[in-house]
PDB file of N, CA and C in Angstrom:
ATOM      1  N   GLU A   1      -0.556  -6.091 -15.130  1.00  0.00           N
ATOM      2  CA  GLU A   1       0.072  -5.009 -16.390  1.00  0.00           C
ATOM      3  C   GLU A   1       0.924  -3.823 -15.780  1.00  0.00           C
ATOM      4  N   GLY A   2       2.001  -3.563 -16.057  1.00  0.00           N
ATOM      5  CA  GLY A   2       2.572  -2.428 -15.593  1.00  0.00           C
ATOM      6  C   GLY A   2       2.117  -1.067 -16.574  1.00  0.00           C
ATOM      7  N   ASN A   3       2.997  -0.254 -16.380  1.00  0.00           N
ATOM      8  CA  ASN A   3       2.819   1.084 -17.045  1.00  0.00           C
ATOM      9  C   ASN A   3       3.200   0.956 -18.724  1.00  0.00           C
ATOM     10  N   GLU A   4       4.163   0.132 -18.355  1.00  0.00           N
ATOM     11  CA  GLU A   4       5.142   0.056 -19.860  1.00  0.00           C
ATOM     12  C   GLU A   4       4.667  -1.243 -20.748  1.00  0.00           C
ATOM     13  N   PRO A   5       4.403  -1.009 -21.841  1.00  0.00           N
ATOM     14  CA  PRO A   5       3.957  -2.420 -22.819  1.00  0.00           C
ATOM     15  C   PRO A   5       4.930  -3.253 -22.737  1.00  0.00           C
ATOM     16  N   GLY A   6       4.535  -4.622 -22.362  1.00  0.00           N
ATOM     17  CA  GLY A   6       5.220  -5.709 -22.238  1.00  0.00           C
ATOM     18  C   GLY A   6       5.741  -5.832 -20.807  1.00  0.00           C
ATOM     19  N   ASP A   7       5.361  -4.891 -19.825  1.00  0.00           N
ATOM     20  CA  ASP A   7       5.674  -5.021 -18.667  1.00  0.00           C
ATOM     21  C   ASP A   7       4.298  -5.688 -17.858  1.00  0.00           C
ATOM     22  N   SER A   8       4.705  -6.752 -17.485  1.00  0.00           N
ATOM     23  CA  SER A   8       3.444  -7.627 -16.848  1.00  0.00           C
ATOM     24  C   SER A   8       4.328  -8.815 -15.800  1.00  0.00           C
ATOM     25  N   MET A   9       3.283  -9.443 -15.105  1.00  0.00           N
ATOM     26  CA  MET A   9       3.614 -10.450 -14.184  1.00  0.00           C
ATOM     27  C   MET A   9       2.704 -11.115 -13.860  1.00  0.00           C
ATOM     28  N   LYS A  10       2.602 -12.426 -13.884  1.00  0.00           N
ATOM     29  CA  LYS A  10       1.812 -13.461 -13.187  1.00  0.00           C
ATOM     30  C   LYS A  10       1.813 -13.916 -11.916  1.00  0.00           C
ATOM     31  N   ILE A  11       0.951 -13.998 -11.124  1.00  0.00           N
ATOM     32  CA  ILE A  11       0.794 -14.403  -9.860  1.00  0.00           C
ATOM     33  C   ILE A  11      -0.514 -15.228  -9.428  1.00  0.00           C
ATOM     34  N   THR A  12      -0.309 -16.401  -8.870  1.00  0.00           N
ATOM     35  CA  THR A  12      -1.658 -16.882  -8.522  1.00  0.00           C
ATOM     36  C   THR A  12      -2.450 -16.435  -7.345  1.00  0.00           C
ATOM     37  N   TYR A  13      -3.587 -16.894  -7.182  1.00  0.00           N
ATOM     38  CA  TYR A  13      -4.574 -16.268  -6.127  1.00  0.00           C
ATOM     39  C   TYR A  13      -3.891 -16.829  -4.633  1.00  0.00           C
ATOM     40  N   HIS A  14      -3.342 -18.130  -4.761  1.00  0.00           N
ATOM     41  CA  HIS A  14      -2.579 -18.440  -3.361  1.00  0.00           C
ATOM     42  C   HIS A  14      -1.444 -17.486  -3.203  1.00  0.00           C
ATOM     43  N   GLU A  15      -0.343 -17.349  -4.277  1.00  0.00           N
ATOM     44  CA  GLU A  15       0.769 -16.523  -4.005  1.00  0.00           C
ATOM     45  C   GLU A  15       0.255 -15.250  -3.284  1.00  0.00           C
ATOM     46  N   LEU A  16      -0.773 -14.402  -3.939  1.00  0.00           N
ATOM     47  CA  LEU A  16      -1.274 -13.649  -3.560  1.00  0.00           C
ATOM     48  C   LEU A  16      -1.642 -13.279  -2.151  1.00  0.00           C
ATOM     49  N   LEU A  17      -2.226 -14.271  -1.903  1.00  0.00           N
ATOM     50  CA  LEU A  17      -2.744 -14.483  -0.429  1.00  0.00           C
ATOM     51  C   LEU A  17      -1.494 -14.614   0.694  1.00  0.00           C
ATOM     52  N   HIS A  18      -0.536 -15.343   0.162  1.00  0.00           N
ATOM     53  CA  HIS A  18       0.512 -15.350   0.877  1.00  0.00           C
ATOM     54  C   HIS A  18       1.276 -14.013   1.034  1.00  0.00           C
ATOM     55  N   LYS A  19       1.609 -13.524   0.097  1.00  0.00           N
ATOM     56  CA  LYS A  19       2.279 -12.227   0.083  1.00  0.00           C
ATOM     57  C   LYS A  19       1.556 -11.077   0.881  1.00  0.00           C
ATOM     58  N   VAL A  20       0.011 -11.180   0.565  1.00  0.00           N
ATOM     59  CA  VAL A  20      -0.757 -10.017   1.550  1.00  0.00           C
ATOM     60  C   VAL A  20      -0.863 -10.446   3.120  1.00  0.00           C
ATOM     61  N   CYS A  21      -0.958 -11.705   3.457  1.00  0.00           N
ATOM     62  CA  CYS A  21      -0.593 -12.194   4.887  1.00  0.00           C
ATOM     63  C   CYS A  21       0.617 -11.640   5.577  1.00  0.00           C
ATOM     64  N   GLN A  22       1.814 -11.674   4.720  1.00  0.00           N
ATOM     65  CA  GLN A  22       3.157 -11.702   4.979  1.00  0.00           C
ATOM     66  C   GLN A  22       3.068 -10.310   5.498  1.00  0.00           C
ATOM     67  N   PHE A  23       2.649  -9.605   4.440  1.00  0.00           N
ATOM     68  CA  PHE A  23       2.785  -7.998   4.587  1.00  0.00           C
ATOM     69  C   PHE A  23       1.823  -7.160   5.433  1.00  0.00           C
ATOM     70  N   ALA A  24       0.447  -8.007   5.888  1.00  0.00           N
ATOM     71  CA  ALA A  24      -0.354  -7.727   6.978  1.00  0.00           C
ATOM     72  C   ALA A  24       0.355  -7.922   8.261  1.00  0.00           C
ATOM     73  N   ASN A  25       1.181  -8.954   8.406  1.00  0.00           N
ATOM     74  CA  ASN A  25       1.797  -9.148   9.341  1.00  0.00           C
ATOM     75  C   ASN A  25       2.969  -8.233   9.653  1.00  0.00           C
ATOM     76  N   VAL A  26       3.842  -7.468   8.815  1.00  0.00           N
ATOM     77  CA  VAL A  26       4.525  -6.373   8.842  1.00  0.00           C
ATOM     78  C   VAL A  26       4.160  -5.288   9.350  1.00  0.00           C
ATOM     79  N   LEU A  27       3.002  -4.741   8.738  1.00  0.00           N
ATOM     80  CA  LEU A  27       1.928  -3.835   9.192  1.00  0.00           C
ATOM     81  C   LEU A  27       1.541  -4.047  10.736  1.00  0.00           C
ATOM     82  N   ARG A  28       1.183  -4.846  11.256  1.00  0.00           N
ATOM     83  CA  ARG A  28       0.642  -5.384  12.523  1.00  0.00           C
ATOM     84  C   ARG A  28       2.056  -5.046  13.461  1.00  0.00           C
ATOM     85  N   SER A  29       3.329  -5.425  12.875  1.00  0.00           N
ATOM     86  CA  SER A  29       4.472  -5.147  13.667  1.00  0.00           C
ATOM     87  C   SER A  29       4.849  -3.823  13.811  1.00  0.00           C
ATOM     88  N   GLN A  30       4.418  -3.044  12.975  1.00  0.00           N
ATOM     89  CA  GLN A  30       4.847  -1.731  13.056  1.00  0.00           C
ATOM     90  C   GLN A  30       3.658  -0.957  13.616  1.00  0.00           C
ATOM     91  N   GLY A  31       2.739  -1.552  14.593  1.00  0.00           N
ATOM     92  CA  GLY A  31       1.900  -1.089  15.126  1.00  0.00           C
ATOM     93  C   GLY A  31       0.567  -0.658  14.501  1.00  0.00           C
ATOM     94  N   VAL A  32       0.430  -0.672  13.337  1.00  0.00           N
ATOM     95  CA  VAL A  32      -0.822  -0.407  12.570  1.00  0.00           C
ATOM     96  C   VAL A  32      -1.958  -1.529  12.920  1.00  0.00           C
ATOM     97  N   LYS A  33      -3.129  -0.809  13.252  1.00  0.00           N
ATOM     98  CA  LYS A  33      -4.105  -1.827  14.015  1.00  0.00           C
ATOM     99  C   LYS A  33      -5.676  -1.044  12.747  1.00  0.00           C
ATOM    100  N   LYS A  34      -6.491  -1.963  13.275  1.00  0.00           N
ATOM    101  CA  LYS A  34      -7.914  -1.420  12.712  1.00  0.00           C
ATOM    102  C   LYS A  34      -7.986  -0.033  13.169  1.00  0.00           C
ATOM    103  N   GLY A  35      -8.385   0.660  11.971  1.00  0.00           N
ATOM    104  CA  GLY A  35      -9.022   1.765  11.905  1.00  0.00           C
ATOM    105  C   GLY A  35      -7.829   3.013  11.749  1.00  0.00           C
ATOM    106  N   ASP A  36      -6.534   2.534  12.037  1.00  0.00           N
ATOM    107  CA  ASP A  36      -5.420   3.416  11.572  1.00  0.00           C
ATOM    108  C   ASP A  36      -5.533   3.752  10.063  1.00  0.00           C
ATOM    109  N   ARG A  37      -4.943   5.000   9.816  1.00  0.00           N
ATOM    110  CA  ARG A  37      -4.829   5.297   8.453  1.00  0.00           C
ATOM    111  C   ARG A  37      -3.200   5.105   7.700  1.00  0.00           C
ATOM    112  N   VAL A  38      -3.347   4.608   6.718  1.00  0.00           N
ATOM    113  CA  VAL A  38      -1.866   4.568   6.179  1.00  0.00           C
ATOM    114  C   VAL A  38      -1.970   5.035   4.664  1.00  0.00           C
ATOM    115  N   SER A  39      -0.808   5.669   4.424  1.00  0.00           N
ATOM    116  CA  SER A  39      -0.758   6.263   3.085  1.00  0.00           C
ATOM    117  C   SER A  39       0.143   5.417   2.118  1.00  0.00           C
ATOM    118  N   ILE A  40      -0.102   5.075   0.988  1.00  0.00           N
ATOM    119  CA  ILE A  40       0.998   4.279  -0.051  1.00  0.00           C
ATOM    120  C   ILE A  40       1.359   5.200  -1.116  1.00  0.00           C
ATOM    121  N   TYR A  41       2.542   5.287  -1.156  1.00  0.00           N
ATOM    122  CA  TYR A  41       3.192   6.013  -2.272  1.00  0.00           C
ATOM    123  C   TYR A  41       4.233   5.122  -3.032  1.00  0.00           C
ATOM    124  N   LEU A  42       3.552   4.531  -4.178  1.00  0.00           N
ATOM    125  CA  LEU A  42       4.203   3.522  -4.846  1.00  0.00           C
ATOM    126  C   LEU A  42       3.735   3.615  -6.372  1.00  0.00           C
ATOM    127  N   PRO A  43       4.492   3.450  -7.144  1.00  0.00           N
ATOM    128  CA  PRO A  43       4.080   3.205  -8.700  1.00  0.00           C
ATOM    129  C   PRO A  43       3.189   2.086  -9.064  1.00  0.00           C
ATOM    130  N   MET A  44       2.852   1.855 -10.073  1.00  0.00           N
ATOM    131  CA  MET A  44       1.965   0.553 -10.471  1.00  0.00           C
ATOM    132  C   MET A  44       2.605  -0.498 -10.637  1.00  0.00           C
ATOM    133  N   ILE A  45       2.872  -1.307  -9.300  1.00  0.00           N
ATOM    134  CA  ILE A  45       3.536  -2.207  -9.217  1.00  0.00           C
ATOM    135  C   ILE A  45       2.727  -3.371  -8.254  1.00  0.00           C
ATOM    136  N   LEU A  46       2.960  -4.680  -8.142  1.00  0.00           N
ATOM    137  CA  LEU A  46       2.634  -5.556  -7.726  1.00  0.00           C
ATOM    138  C   LEU A  46       2.204  -5.296  -6.006  1.00  0.00           C
ATOM    139  N   GLU A  47       3.690  -4.858  -5.753  1.00  0.00           N
ATOM    140  CA  GLU A  47       3.620  -4.249  -4.098  1.00  0.00           C
ATOM    141  C   GLU A  47       2.488  -3.382  -3.943  1.00  0.00           C
ATOM    142  N   LEU A  48       2.030  -2.466  -4.826  1.00  0.00           N
ATOM    143  CA  LEU A  48       1.061  -1.525  -4.349  1.00  0.00           C
ATOM    144  C   LEU A  48      -0.539  -2.240  -4.170  1.00  0.00           C
ATOM    145  N   VAL A  49      -0.601  -3.162  -5.043  1.00  0.00           N
ATOM    146  CA  VAL A  49      -1.518  -4.356  -4.575  1.00  0.00           C
ATOM    147  C   VAL A  49      -1.620  -4.944  -3.286  1.00  0.00           C
ATOM    148  N   ILE A  50      -0.571  -5.428  -3.015  1.00  0.00           N
ATOM    149  CA  ILE A  50      -0.430  -6.396  -1.949  1.00  0.00           C
ATOM    150  C   ILE A  50      -0.651  -5.325  -0.749  1.00  0.00           C
ATOM    151  N   ALA A  51      -0.055  -3.954  -0.825  1.00  0.00           N
ATOM    152  CA  ALA A  51      -0.059  -3.289   0.480  1.00  0.00           C
ATOM    153  C   ALA A  51      -1.755  -2.697   0.617  1.00  0.00           C
ATOM    154  N   MET A  52      -2.244  -2.571  -0.437  1.00  0.00           N
ATOM    155  CA  MET A  52      -3.624  -2.298  -0.154  1.00  0.00           C
ATOM    156  C   MET A  52      -4.470  -3.322   0.167  1.00  0.00           C
ATOM    157  N   LEU A  53      -4.215  -4.656  -0.160  1.00  0.00           N
ATOM    158  CA  LEU A  53      -5.106  -5.643   0.585  1.00  0.00           C
ATOM    159  C   LEU A  53      -4.537  -6.267   1.931  1.00  0.00           C
ATOM    160  N   ALA A  54      -3.319  -5.709   2.178  1.00  0.00           N
ATOM    161  CA  ALA A  54      -3.010  -6.189   3.482  1.00  0.00           C
ATOM    162  C   ALA A  54      -3.605  -5.067   4.394  1.00  0.00           C
ATOM    163  N   CYS A  55      -3.662  -4.025   4.147  1.00  0.00           N
ATOM    164  CA  CYS A  55      -4.620  -2.763   4.888  1.00  0.00           C
ATOM    165  C   CYS A  55      -5.536  -3.323   5.045  1.00  0.00           C
ATOM    166  N   ALA A  56      -6.433  -3.578   4.084  1.00  0.00           N
ATOM    167  CA  ALA A  56      -7.950  -4.079   4.181  1.00  0.00           C
ATOM    168  C   ALA A  56      -8.197  -5.202   5.102  1.00  0.00           C
ATOM    169  N   ARG A  57      -6.904  -6.110   4.814  1.00  0.00           N
ATOM    170  CA  ARG A  57      -6.850  -7.482   5.596  1.00  0.00           C
ATOM    171  C   ARG A  57      -7.016  -7.059   7.174  1.00  0.00           C
ATOM    172  N   ILE A  58      -6.480  -5.832   7.693  1.00  0.00           N
ATOM    173  CA  ILE A  58      -6.359  -5.790   9.073  1.00  0.00           C
ATOM    174  C   ILE A  58      -7.082  -4.615   9.489  1.00  0.00           C
ATOM    175  N   GLY A  59      -8.203  -4.272   8.579  1.00  0.00           N
ATOM    176  CA  GLY A  59      -8.547  -2.968   8.802  1.00  0.00           C
ATOM    177  C   GLY A  59      -8.745  -1.515   9.118  1.00  0.00           C
ATOM    178  N   ALA A  60      -7.241  -1.470   8.348  1.00  0.00           N
ATOM    179  CA  ALA A  60      -6.648   0.155   8.284  1.00  0.00           C
ATOM    180  C   ALA A  60      -7.193   0.322   6.889  1.00  0.00           C
ATOM    181  N   LEU A  61      -7.317   1.841   7.341  1.00  0.00           N
ATOM    182  CA  LEU A  61      -7.697   2.643   5.884  1.00  0.00           C
ATOM    183  C   LEU A  61      -6.306   2.921   5.307  1.00  0.00           C
ATOM    184  N   HIS A  62      -6.539   3.039   3.698  1.00  0.00           N
ATOM    185  CA  HIS A  62      -5.271   3.217   3.032  1.00  0.00           C
ATOM    186  C   HIS A  62      -5.835   4.633   1.979  1.00  0.00           C
ATOM    187  N   SER A  63      -4.663   5.288   1.692  1.00  0.00           N
ATOM    188  CA  SER A  63      -5.008   6.170   0.994  1.00  0.00           C
ATOM    189  C   SER A  63      -3.689   6.217  -0.309  1.00  0.00           C
ATOM    190  N   VAL A  64      -4.091   6.089  -1.472  1.00  0.00           N
ATOM    191  CA  VAL A  64      -2.912   5.773  -2.561  1.00  0.00           C
ATOM    192  C   VAL A  64      -2.918   7.046  -3.176  1.00  0.00           C
ATOM    193  N   VAL A  65      -1.632   7.522  -2.841  1.00  0.00           N
ATOM    194  CA  VAL A  65      -1.045   8.829  -3.549  1.00  0.00           C
ATOM    195  C   VAL A  65      -0.325   8.428  -4.944  1.00  0.00           C
ATOM    196  N   PHE A  66      -0.613   9.263  -5.759  1.00  0.00           N
ATOM    197  CA  PHE A  66       0.288   8.891  -7.149  1.00  0.00           C
ATOM    198  C   PHE A  66       1.409   9.252  -7.029  1.00  0.00           C
ATOM    199  N   ALA A  67       2.350   8.305  -7.271  1.00  0.00           N
ATOM    200  CA  ALA A  67       3.993   8.266  -7.337  1.00  0.00           C
ATOM    201  C   ALA A  67       4.235   9.430  -7.978  1.00  0.00           C
ATOM    202  N   GLY A  68       3.715  10.148  -8.928  1.00  0.00           N
ATOM    203  CA  GLY A  68       4.645  11.480  -9.409  1.00  0.00           C
ATOM    204  C   GLY A  68       4.287  12.709  -8.828  1.00  0.00           C
ATOM    205  N   PHE A  69       3.428  12.477  -7.406  1.00  0.00           N
ATOM    206  CA  PHE A  69       3.039  14.039  -6.909  1.00  0.00           C
ATOM    207  C   PHE A  69       4.760  14.336  -6.148  1.00  0.00           C
ATOM    208  N   SER A  70       4.641  15.534  -6.008  1.00  0.00           N
ATOM    209  CA  SER A  70       5.619  16.096  -5.443  1.00  0.00           C
ATOM    210  C   SER A  70       5.772  15.968  -3.631  1.00  0.00           C
ATOM    211  N   ALA A  71       7.028  16.024  -3.160  1.00  0.00           N
ATOM    212  CA  ALA A  71       7.153  16.166  -1.498  1.00  0.00           C
ATOM    213  C   ALA A  71       6.204  16.585  -1.053  1.00  0.00           C
ATOM    214  N   ASP A  72       5.957  17.855  -1.363  1.00  0.00           N
ATOM    215  CA  ASP A  72       4.891  18.823  -0.753  1.00  0.00           C
ATOM    216  C   ASP A  72       3.562  18.111  -0.976  1.00  0.00           C
ATOM    217  N   SER A  73       3.224  18.048  -2.107  1.00  0.00           N
ATOM    218  CA  SER A  73       1.845  17.163  -2.071  1.00  0.00           C
ATOM    219  C   SER A  73       1.596  15.940  -1.416  1.00  0.00           C
ATOM    220  N   LEU A  74       2.763  15.352  -1.148  1.00  0.00           N
ATOM    221  CA  LEU A  74       2.592  13.983  -0.463  1.00  0.00           C
ATOM    222  C   LEU A  74       2.554  14.448   1.178  1.00  0.00           C
ATOM    223  N   CYS A  75       3.208  15.462   1.153  1.00  0.00           N
ATOM    224  CA  CYS A  75       3.138  15.817   2.740  1.00  0.00           C
ATOM    225  C   CYS A  75       1.863  16.289   3.142  1.00  0.00           C
ATOM    226  N   GLU A  76       1.298  17.057   2.304  1.00  0.00           N
ATOM    227  CA  GLU A  76      -0.180  17.621   2.584  1.00  0.00           C
ATOM    228  C   GLU A  76      -1.130  16.605   2.795  1.00  0.00           C
ATOM    229  N   ARG A  77      -1.150  15.749   1.802  1.00  0.00           N
ATOM    230  CA  ARG A  77      -2.014  14.402   1.994  1.00  0.00           C
ATOM    231  C   ARG A  77      -1.746  13.389   3.271  1.00  0.00           C
ATOM    232  N   ILE A  78      -0.669  13.472   3.732  1.00  0.00           N
ATOM    233  CA  ILE A  78      -0.362  12.853   4.737  1.00  0.00           C
ATOM    234  C   ILE A  78      -0.738  13.500   6.100  1.00  0.00           C
ATOM    235  N   LEU A  79      -0.635  14.657   6.116  1.00  0.00           N
ATOM    236  CA  LEU A  79      -1.074  15.660   7.282  1.00  0.00           C
ATOM    237  C   LEU A  79      -2.613  15.584   7.188  1.00  0.00           C
ATOM    238  N   ASP A  80      -3.411  16.009   5.775  1.00  0.00           N
ATOM    239  CA  ASP A  80      -4.808  16.012   5.794  1.00  0.00           C
ATOM    240  C   ASP A  80      -5.546  14.805   6.286  1.00  0.00           C
ATOM    241  N   CYS A  81      -4.826  13.305   6.178  1.00  0.00           N
ATOM    242  CA  CYS A  81      -5.444  12.069   6.330  1.00  0.00           C
ATOM    243  C   CYS A  81      -4.994  11.678   8.018  1.00  0.00           C
ATOM    244  N   GLY A  82      -4.058  12.446   8.389  1.00  0.00           N
ATOM    245  CA  GLY A  82      -3.523  11.938   9.646  1.00  0.00           C
ATOM    246  C   GLY A  82      -2.970  10.428   9.635  1.00  0.00           C
ATOM    247  N   CYS A  83      -2.563  10.102   8.694  1.00  0.00           N
ATOM    248  CA  CYS A  83      -1.776   8.734   8.522  1.00  0.00           C
ATOM    249  C   CYS A  83      -0.815   8.463   9.653  1.00  0.00           C
ATOM    250  N   SER A  84      -0.587   7.278  10.130  1.00  0.00           N
ATOM    251  CA  SER A  84       0.280   6.736  11.274  1.00  0.00           C
ATOM    252  C   SER A  84       1.425   5.949  10.307  1.00  0.00           C
ATOM    253  N   LEU A  85       1.271   5.690   8.843  1.00  0.00           N
ATOM    254  CA  LEU A  85       2.395   5.194   8.527  1.00  0.00           C
ATOM    255  C   LEU A  85       2.441   5.472   6.798  1.00  0.00           C
ATOM    256  N   LEU A  86       3.578   5.682   6.331  1.00  0.00           N
ATOM    257  CA  LEU A  86       3.599   5.828   4.960  1.00  0.00           C
ATOM    258  C   LEU A  86       4.489   4.700   4.199  1.00  0.00           C
ATOM    259  N   ILE A  87       3.800   3.907   3.169  1.00  0.00           N
ATOM    260  CA  ILE A  87       4.724   2.821   2.676  1.00  0.00           C
ATOM    261  C   ILE A  87       4.885   3.166   0.987  1.00  0.00           C
ATOM    262  N   THR A  88       6.533   3.386   0.996  1.00  0.00           N
ATOM    263  CA  THR A  88       6.873   3.735  -0.282  1.00  0.00           C
ATOM    264  C   THR A  88       7.742   2.709  -0.932  1.00  0.00           C
TER     265      THR A  88
END
């Protein structure tokens, strides 16, 4: 379910697993490894869930930053957690 009424999407567990594995491979290709920190700056969409699960799959720590935060607030959070990648 999305933020807006009537905004929804259906996906099977198999499709979700496939997308999570694909994105985990993208993260690995960017040099993200177990123990790395990743910030995620996305609205409430399916890709947010995929990014979170992909981080968990490879053992990377993730921090979700609410998409309504300002650039300064995002910057502070990135610096505080010492993240190596930002997903937008």
